[in-house]
Amino acid sequence: MNNVHLYVFCYDTPDDGRRRAIVRLLEDVADRVQYSVFQGLMTEGERAAVWERLLEKIDLSVDKLCYFKCCSVCRQGSGTSDGQAVGAEPAYWLV
């Protein structure tokens, strides 16, 4: 996967409607790792498109939205409490 990086997205909003819209969008492109945290392998262009769509769904005066780019070296130095590799590609796909 050339030029693909792990991106971590997180959000905070007091509004249930905006929260649902954010979650629906992120569930389409990333894996939920905690209630308001998602991670997904994507190119910079894909990340930019997701980010633009997310910005359309939030109220900048009260909502918080962040993303973090993790390179392969950073991913190797990261961990989870259940021992899973951070940002690992699925071992298989259901079709």
Protein backbone atom coordinates (compact mmCIF):
# COMPACT_ATOMS: atom_id res chain seq x y z
CA MET A 1 0.00 0.00 0.00
CA ASN A 2 1.89 2.97 -1.28
CA ASN A 3 1.50 6.30 0.52
CA VAL A 4 -1.05 4.86 2.92
CA HIS A 5 -0.86 5.96 6.52
CA LEU A 6 -2.80 5.28 9.66
CA TYR A 7 -4.98 8.24 10.61
CA VAL A 8 -6.62 8.54 14.00
CA PHE A 9 -9.75 10.70 14.22
CA CYS A 10 -11.37 11.82 17.45
CA TYR A 11 -14.27 14.09 18.19
CA ASP A 12 -16.23 15.71 21.00
CA THR A 13 -19.66 17.28 20.57
CA PRO A 14 -22.51 17.92 22.99
CA ASP A 15 -25.11 17.50 20.22
CA ASP A 16 -26.59 14.03 19.60
CA GLY A 17 -27.51 14.76 15.98
CA ARG A 18 -24.04 15.96 15.04
CA ARG A 19 -22.51 13.06 16.96
CA ARG A 20 -24.58 10.56 14.95
CA ALA A 21 -23.59 12.24 11.67
CA ILE A 22 -19.89 12.14 12.61
CA VAL A 23 -20.09 8.50 13.67
CA ARG A 24 -21.92 7.43 10.49
CA LEU A 25 -19.28 9.09 8.34
CA LEU A 26 -16.33 7.69 10.28
CA GLU A 27 -17.80 4.18 10.46
CA ASP A 28 -17.82 4.16 6.65
CA VAL A 29 -14.08 4.86 6.37
CA ALA A 30 -12.41 3.78 9.62
CA ASP A 31 -12.59 1.36 12.54
CA ARG A 32 -13.93 2.48 15.89
CA VAL A 33 -11.35 1.88 18.62
CA GLN A 34 -13.12 3.77 21.41
CA TYR A 35 -16.41 5.61 21.73
CA SER A 36 -15.19 8.80 20.00
CA VAL A 37 -11.95 7.53 18.45
CA PHE A 38 -11.56 5.93 15.01
CA GLN A 39 -8.53 4.76 13.05
CA GLY A 40 -8.19 4.02 9.39
CA LEU A 41 -5.56 3.31 6.76
CA MET A 42 -5.85 5.82 3.93
CA THR A 43 -3.96 8.10 1.60
CA GLU A 44 -3.54 11.80 2.29
CA GLY A 45 -6.11 12.53 -0.41
CA GLU A 46 -8.64 10.19 1.19
CA ARG A 47 -7.96 11.73 4.60
CA ALA A 48 -8.47 15.24 3.18
CA ALA A 49 -11.80 14.25 1.65
CA VAL A 50 -12.99 12.72 4.94
CA TRP A 51 -11.84 15.80 6.84
CA GLU A 52 -13.78 18.15 4.56
CA ARG A 53 -16.91 16.05 4.99
CA LEU A 54 -16.45 16.02 8.77
CA LEU A 55 -16.01 19.80 8.94
CA GLU A 56 -19.37 20.20 7.22
CA LYS A 57 -21.02 18.26 10.05
CA ILE A 58 -19.72 20.12 13.10
CA ASP A 59 -20.32 23.44 14.83
CA LEU A 60 -16.86 24.98 15.15
CA SER A 61 -17.98 27.12 18.09
CA VAL A 62 -18.64 24.13 20.38
CA ASP A 63 -17.42 20.90 18.75
CA LYS A 64 -13.88 19.55 18.69
CA LEU A 65 -12.50 17.40 15.90
CA CYS A 66 -8.91 16.17 15.56
CA TYR A 67 -6.90 13.83 13.36
CA PHE A 68 -3.41 12.44 13.78
CA LYS A 69 -1.21 10.91 11.10
CA CYS A 70 0.84 7.92 12.24
CA CYS A 71 3.77 6.76 10.13
CA SER A 72 4.90 3.13 10.13
CA VAL A 73 7.68 3.87 12.65
CA CYS A 74 5.20 5.52 15.02
CA ARG A 75 2.81 2.59 14.63
CA GLN A 76 5.60 0.16 15.59
CA GLY A 77 6.20 2.17 18.76
CA SER A 78 2.50 2.16 19.70
CA GLY A 79 0.45 -0.43 21.52
CA THR A 80 -2.94 -1.43 22.84
CA SER A 81 -4.07 -3.03 26.08
CA ASP A 82 -5.26 -6.13 24.22
CA GLY A 83 -1.96 -6.65 22.41
CA GLN A 84 -3.35 -5.96 18.94
CA ALA A 85 -1.13 -4.10 16.50
CA VAL A 86 -2.10 -0.45 16.18
CA GLY A 87 -3.61 0.18 12.76
CA ALA A 88 -3.04 -3.35 11.55
CA GLU A 89 -4.74 -4.33 8.35
CA PRO A 90 -7.41 -6.98 8.83
CA ALA A 91 -6.18 -10.56 8.49
CA TYR A 92 -9.18 -11.22 6.22
CA TRP A 93 -12.10 -9.38 4.60
CA LEU A 94 -15.72 -10.50 4.62
CA VAL A 95 -17.27 -10.12 1.20
